[in-house]
Amino acid sequence: MDVFTTAERLMGMSETVWRRHANPWSVYSRFSCLPLLVLAVWSRVWIGWGCLVPIVLSLLWTWANPRLFAEPARLDTWASRAVMGERIYLNRGAVPVAAHHRRMVTILTGVSGVGMLVLIHGLYGLDLGATIGGMAVAMMGKVWFCDRMVWIWYDHQAQQGAGR
């Protein structure tokens, strides 16, 4: 089991949830999850242990987000294709994914991971620069990851004979 499968299981991502998450509203609003969690953790400065309330609420938002939106009527948007590409990538044991994609996904996951380490360091030490910089790097890695998933989706469609 890898980090992607583990995350999928932790989030309880069933086929129905994945289809709902393919809604562009779900994808784009999901980019609010990390900034909201960062703000919630930072709020310990202002509200002490009361920060647990916004932390729990931001974690609930992270879990609920892919479940809140209806399945999209179409899957021809960048956001929908990113989600569908991620489904293909998660199924790479059964459906081949090109080595150049797998290598790049590993790199992008590493970029996001480094950003998260800097972010955690910044949050721990209340270093605003490290917090914002780490969050920016983590989110940049995630957006680029999503774009790679779109590419995987296009490649899969071409292999299936659906073309672009």
C-alpha atoms as a PDB file:
ATOM      1  CA  MET A   1       0.000   0.000   0.000  1.00  0.00           C
ATOM      2  CA  ASP A   2       1.362   3.440  -0.925  1.00  0.00           C
ATOM      3  CA  VAL A   3       0.681   6.989   0.282  1.00  0.00           C
ATOM      4  CA  PHE A   4      -2.040   7.500  -2.344  1.00  0.00           C
ATOM      5  CA  THR A   5      -3.970   4.348  -1.445  1.00  0.00           C
ATOM      6  CA  THR A   6      -3.582   5.143   2.255  1.00  0.00           C
ATOM      7  CA  ALA A   7      -4.974   8.653   1.738  1.00  0.00           C
ATOM      8  CA  GLU A   8      -7.865   7.279  -0.301  1.00  0.00           C
ATOM      9  CA  ARG A   9      -8.738   4.841   2.481  1.00  0.00           C
ATOM     10  CA  LEU A  10      -8.419   7.460   5.217  1.00  0.00           C
ATOM     11  CA  MET A  11     -10.795   9.717   3.313  1.00  0.00           C
ATOM     12  CA  GLY A  12     -13.248   6.835   2.742  1.00  0.00           C
ATOM     13  CA  MET A  13     -13.336   7.475  -0.993  1.00  0.00           C
ATOM     14  CA  SER A  14     -15.930   5.130  -2.488  1.00  0.00           C
ATOM     15  CA  GLU A  15     -16.773   5.128  -6.195  1.00  0.00           C
ATOM     16  CA  THR A  16     -19.774   7.364  -5.459  1.00  0.00           C
ATOM     17  CA  VAL A  17     -17.632   9.845  -3.547  1.00  0.00           C
ATOM     18  CA  TRP A  18     -15.074   9.929  -6.384  1.00  0.00           C
ATOM     19  CA  ARG A  19     -17.838  10.666  -8.923  1.00  0.00           C
ATOM     20  CA  ARG A  20     -19.145  13.491  -6.741  1.00  0.00           C
ATOM     21  CA  HIS A  21     -15.604  14.813  -6.228  1.00  0.00           C
ATOM     22  CA  ALA A  22     -15.273  15.082 -10.033  1.00  0.00           C
ATOM     23  CA  ASN A  23     -17.604  18.088  -9.774  1.00  0.00           C
ATOM     24  CA  PRO A  24     -15.443  21.174 -10.469  1.00  0.00           C
ATOM     25  CA  TRP A  25     -17.004  22.922  -7.455  1.00  0.00           C
ATOM     26  CA  SER A  26     -15.595  20.165  -5.271  1.00  0.00           C
ATOM     27  CA  VAL A  27     -12.147  20.297  -6.850  1.00  0.00           C
ATOM     28  CA  TYR A  28     -11.732  24.063  -6.749  1.00  0.00           C
ATOM     29  CA  SER A  29     -13.228  24.511  -3.276  1.00  0.00           C
ATOM     30  CA  ARG A  30     -10.926  21.760  -2.021  1.00  0.00           C
ATOM     31  CA  PHE A  31      -7.994  24.120  -2.507  1.00  0.00           C
ATOM     32  CA  SER A  32      -9.352  25.981   0.531  1.00  0.00           C
ATOM     33  CA  CYS A  33      -8.683  23.007   2.846  1.00  0.00           C
ATOM     34  CA  LEU A  34      -4.999  23.619   3.550  1.00  0.00           C
ATOM     35  CA  PRO A  35      -5.254  27.400   4.063  1.00  0.00           C
ATOM     36  CA  LEU A  36      -8.214  26.887   6.414  1.00  0.00           C
ATOM     37  CA  LEU A  37      -6.308  24.285   8.414  1.00  0.00           C
ATOM     38  CA  VAL A  38      -3.244  26.548   8.571  1.00  0.00           C
ATOM     39  CA  LEU A  39      -5.362  29.458   9.790  1.00  0.00           C
ATOM     40  CA  ALA A  40      -7.024  27.183  12.353  1.00  0.00           C
ATOM     41  CA  VAL A  41      -3.672  26.004  13.721  1.00  0.00           C
ATOM     42  CA  TRP A  42      -2.292  29.553  13.729  1.00  0.00           C
ATOM     43  CA  SER A  43      -5.368  30.687  15.671  1.00  0.00           C
ATOM     44  CA  ARG A  44      -3.842  29.115  18.783  1.00  0.00           C
ATOM     45  CA  VAL A  45      -2.043  32.439  19.138  1.00  0.00           C
ATOM     46  CA  TRP A  46      -5.357  34.284  19.488  1.00  0.00           C
ATOM     47  CA  ILE A  47      -7.705  31.760  21.090  1.00  0.00           C
ATOM     48  CA  GLY A  48      -5.448  29.207  22.791  1.00  0.00           C
ATOM     49  CA  TRP A  49      -6.980  25.757  23.125  1.00  0.00           C
ATOM     50  CA  GLY A  50     -10.115  27.164  21.513  1.00  0.00           C
ATOM     51  CA  CYS A  51      -8.211  26.605  18.255  1.00  0.00           C
ATOM     52  CA  LEU A  52      -9.313  22.974  18.444  1.00  0.00           C
ATOM     53  CA  VAL A  53     -12.775  24.012  17.244  1.00  0.00           C
ATOM     54  CA  PRO A  54     -11.597  25.548  13.940  1.00  0.00           C
ATOM     55  CA  ILE A  55      -9.065  22.715  13.522  1.00  0.00           C
ATOM     56  CA  VAL A  56     -11.820  20.095  13.820  1.00  0.00           C
ATOM     57  CA  LEU A  57     -14.100  22.137  11.541  1.00  0.00           C
ATOM     58  CA  SER A  58     -11.384  22.427   8.881  1.00  0.00           C
ATOM     59  CA  LEU A  59     -10.709  18.675   9.069  1.00  0.00           C
ATOM     60  CA  LEU A  60     -14.452  18.013   8.737  1.00  0.00           C
ATOM     61  CA  TRP A  61     -14.528  20.309   5.684  1.00  0.00           C
ATOM     62  CA  THR A  62     -11.630  18.339   4.185  1.00  0.00           C
ATOM     63  CA  TRP A  63     -13.539  15.084   4.657  1.00  0.00           C
ATOM     64  CA  ALA A  64     -16.959  16.437   3.638  1.00  0.00           C
ATOM     65  CA  ASN A  65     -15.867  18.419   0.585  1.00  0.00           C
ATOM     66  CA  PRO A  66     -15.837  15.555  -1.943  1.00  0.00           C
ATOM     67  CA  ARG A  67     -19.212  14.410  -0.667  1.00  0.00           C
ATOM     68  CA  LEU A  68     -21.102  17.711  -0.743  1.00  0.00           C
ATOM     69  CA  PHE A  69     -21.460  18.268  -4.453  1.00  0.00           C
ATOM     70  CA  ALA A  70     -23.593  16.426  -6.983  1.00  0.00           C
ATOM     71  CA  GLU A  71     -22.020  14.275  -9.641  1.00  0.00           C
ATOM     72  CA  PRO A  72     -21.155  16.507 -12.592  1.00  0.00           C
ATOM     73  CA  ALA A  73     -23.268  16.252 -15.718  1.00  0.00           C
ATOM     74  CA  ARG A  74     -20.081  16.281 -17.830  1.00  0.00           C
ATOM     75  CA  LEU A  75     -16.495  15.260 -17.291  1.00  0.00           C
ATOM     76  CA  ASP A  76     -14.924  17.578 -19.869  1.00  0.00           C
ATOM     77  CA  THR A  77     -13.472  20.162 -17.467  1.00  0.00           C
ATOM     78  CA  TRP A  78      -9.884  20.353 -16.244  1.00  0.00           C
ATOM     79  CA  ALA A  79     -11.024  19.691 -12.684  1.00  0.00           C
ATOM     80  CA  SER A  80     -13.122  16.646 -13.596  1.00  0.00           C
ATOM     81  CA  ARG A  81     -10.325  15.228 -15.713  1.00  0.00           C
ATOM     82  CA  ALA A  82      -7.880  15.732 -12.836  1.00  0.00           C
ATOM     83  CA  VAL A  83     -10.084  13.613 -10.574  1.00  0.00           C
ATOM     84  CA  MET A  84     -10.634  10.966 -13.240  1.00  0.00           C
ATOM     85  CA  GLY A  85      -6.885  10.875 -13.920  1.00  0.00           C
ATOM     86  CA  GLU A  86      -6.250  10.352 -10.224  1.00  0.00           C
ATOM     87  CA  ARG A  87      -8.646   7.391 -10.292  1.00  0.00           C
ATOM     88  CA  ILE A  88      -6.645   5.950 -13.194  1.00  0.00           C
ATOM     89  CA  TYR A  89      -3.392   6.568 -11.338  1.00  0.00           C
ATOM     90  CA  LEU A  90      -4.691   4.875  -8.193  1.00  0.00           C
ATOM     91  CA  ASN A  91      -5.592   1.882 -10.345  1.00  0.00           C
ATOM     92  CA  ARG A  92      -2.108   1.732 -11.889  1.00  0.00           C
ATOM     93  CA  GLY A  93      -1.632  -1.835 -10.685  1.00  0.00           C
ATOM     94  CA  ALA A  94      -4.329  -2.960 -13.107  1.00  0.00           C
ATOM     95  CA  VAL A  95      -4.152  -0.193 -15.718  1.00  0.00           C
ATOM     96  CA  PRO A  96      -0.631   0.694 -16.861  1.00  0.00           C
ATOM     97  CA  VAL A  97       0.517   4.274 -16.302  1.00  0.00           C
ATOM     98  CA  ALA A  98       3.588   5.450 -18.216  1.00  0.00           C
ATOM     99  CA  ALA A  99       6.855   5.542 -16.293  1.00  0.00           C
ATOM    100  CA  HIS A 100       7.321   9.255 -16.991  1.00  0.00           C
ATOM    101  CA  HIS A 101       4.002   9.950 -15.249  1.00  0.00           C
ATOM    102  CA  ARG A 102       4.837   7.757 -12.266  1.00  0.00           C
ATOM    103  CA  ARG A 103       8.236   9.437 -11.917  1.00  0.00           C
ATOM    104  CA  MET A 104       6.727  12.915 -12.097  1.00  0.00           C
ATOM    105  CA  VAL A 105       3.991  12.051  -9.585  1.00  0.00           C
ATOM    106  CA  THR A 106       6.721  10.903  -7.188  1.00  0.00           C
ATOM    107  CA  ILE A 107       8.612  14.173  -7.700  1.00  0.00           C
ATOM    108  CA  LEU A 108       5.484  16.297  -7.238  1.00  0.00           C
ATOM    109  CA  THR A 109       4.511  14.384  -4.115  1.00  0.00           C
ATOM    110  CA  GLY A 110       8.018  15.060  -2.822  1.00  0.00           C
ATOM    111  CA  VAL A 111       7.686  18.777  -3.622  1.00  0.00           C
ATOM    112  CA  SER A 112       4.405  18.917  -1.719  1.00  0.00           C
ATOM    113  CA  GLY A 113       5.965  16.934   1.124  1.00  0.00           C
ATOM    114  CA  VAL A 114       8.892  19.349   1.429  1.00  0.00           C
ATOM    115  CA  GLY A 115       6.420  22.234   1.401  1.00  0.00           C
ATOM    116  CA  MET A 116       4.444  20.549   4.178  1.00  0.00           C
ATOM    117  CA  LEU A 117       7.585  20.090   6.277  1.00  0.00           C
ATOM    118  CA  VAL A 118       8.426  23.785   5.913  1.00  0.00           C
ATOM    119  CA  LEU A 119       4.797  24.648   6.657  1.00  0.00           C
ATOM    120  CA  ILE A 120       4.763  22.513   9.825  1.00  0.00           C
ATOM    121  CA  HIS A 121       8.045  24.080  10.924  1.00  0.00           C
ATOM    122  CA  GLY A 122       6.558  27.528  10.324  1.00  0.00           C
ATOM    123  CA  LEU A 123       3.384  26.728  12.229  1.00  0.00           C
ATOM    124  CA  TYR A 124       5.298  25.250  15.138  1.00  0.00           C
ATOM    125  CA  GLY A 125       7.622  28.229  15.412  1.00  0.00           C
ATOM    126  CA  LEU A 126       5.021  30.832  14.404  1.00  0.00           C
ATOM    127  CA  ASP A 127       7.252  31.831  11.489  1.00  0.00           C
ATOM    128  CA  LEU A 128       4.891  33.537   9.058  1.00  0.00           C
ATOM    129  CA  GLY A 129       7.349  33.413   6.153  1.00  0.00           C
ATOM    130  CA  ALA A 130       7.982  29.684   6.514  1.00  0.00           C
ATOM    131  CA  THR A 131       4.272  29.034   7.004  1.00  0.00           C
ATOM    132  CA  ILE A 132       3.193  30.915   3.884  1.00  0.00           C
ATOM    133  CA  GLY A 133       6.172  29.721   1.840  1.00  0.00           C
ATOM    134  CA  GLY A 134       5.652  26.100   2.844  1.00  0.00           C
ATOM    135  CA  MET A 135       1.940  26.315   2.118  1.00  0.00           C
ATOM    136  CA  ALA A 136       2.635  27.880  -1.288  1.00  0.00           C
ATOM    137  CA  VAL A 137       5.107  25.120  -2.215  1.00  0.00           C
ATOM    138  CA  ALA A 138       2.749  22.377  -0.987  1.00  0.00           C
ATOM    139  CA  MET A 139      -0.174  23.832  -2.916  1.00  0.00           C
ATOM    140  CA  MET A 140       1.915  24.417  -6.048  1.00  0.00           C
ATOM    141  CA  GLY A 141       2.926  20.759  -5.926  1.00  0.00           C
ATOM    142  CA  LYS A 142      -0.727  19.751  -5.578  1.00  0.00           C
ATOM    143  CA  VAL A 143      -1.908  21.906  -8.483  1.00  0.00           C
ATOM    144  CA  TRP A 144       0.872  20.542 -10.674  1.00  0.00           C
ATOM    145  CA  PHE A 145      -0.063  17.029  -9.480  1.00  0.00           C
ATOM    146  CA  CYS A 146      -3.648  17.688 -10.597  1.00  0.00           C
ATOM    147  CA  ASP A 147      -2.404  18.870 -13.972  1.00  0.00           C
ATOM    148  CA  ARG A 148      -0.357  15.666 -14.308  1.00  0.00           C
ATOM    149  CA  MET A 149      -3.524  13.690 -13.535  1.00  0.00           C
ATOM    150  CA  VAL A 150      -5.227  15.451 -16.466  1.00  0.00           C
ATOM    151  CA  TRP A 151      -2.346  14.349 -18.693  1.00  0.00           C
ATOM    152  CA  ILE A 152      -2.738  10.779 -17.409  1.00  0.00           C
ATOM    153  CA  TRP A 153      -6.454  10.983 -18.210  1.00  0.00           C
ATOM    154  CA  TYR A 154      -5.707  12.156 -21.775  1.00  0.00           C
ATOM    155  CA  ASP A 155      -3.149   9.386 -22.271  1.00  0.00           C
ATOM    156  CA  HIS A 156      -5.622   6.813 -20.972  1.00  0.00           C
ATOM    157  CA  GLN A 157      -8.299   8.099 -23.348  1.00  0.00           C
ATOM    158  CA  ALA A 158      -5.869   7.844 -26.274  1.00  0.00           C
ATOM    159  CA  GLN A 159      -4.998   4.267 -25.277  1.00  0.00           C
ATOM    160  CA  GLN A 160      -8.696   3.436 -25.160  1.00  0.00           C
ATOM    161  CA  GLY A 161      -9.124   4.861 -28.656  1.00  0.00           C
ATOM    162  CA  ALA A 162     -11.184   7.835 -27.492  1.00  0.00           C
ATOM    163  CA  GLY A 163      -8.557  10.356 -28.598  1.00  0.00           C
ATOM    164  CA  ARG A 164      -8.357  13.875 -27.307  1.00  0.00           C
END
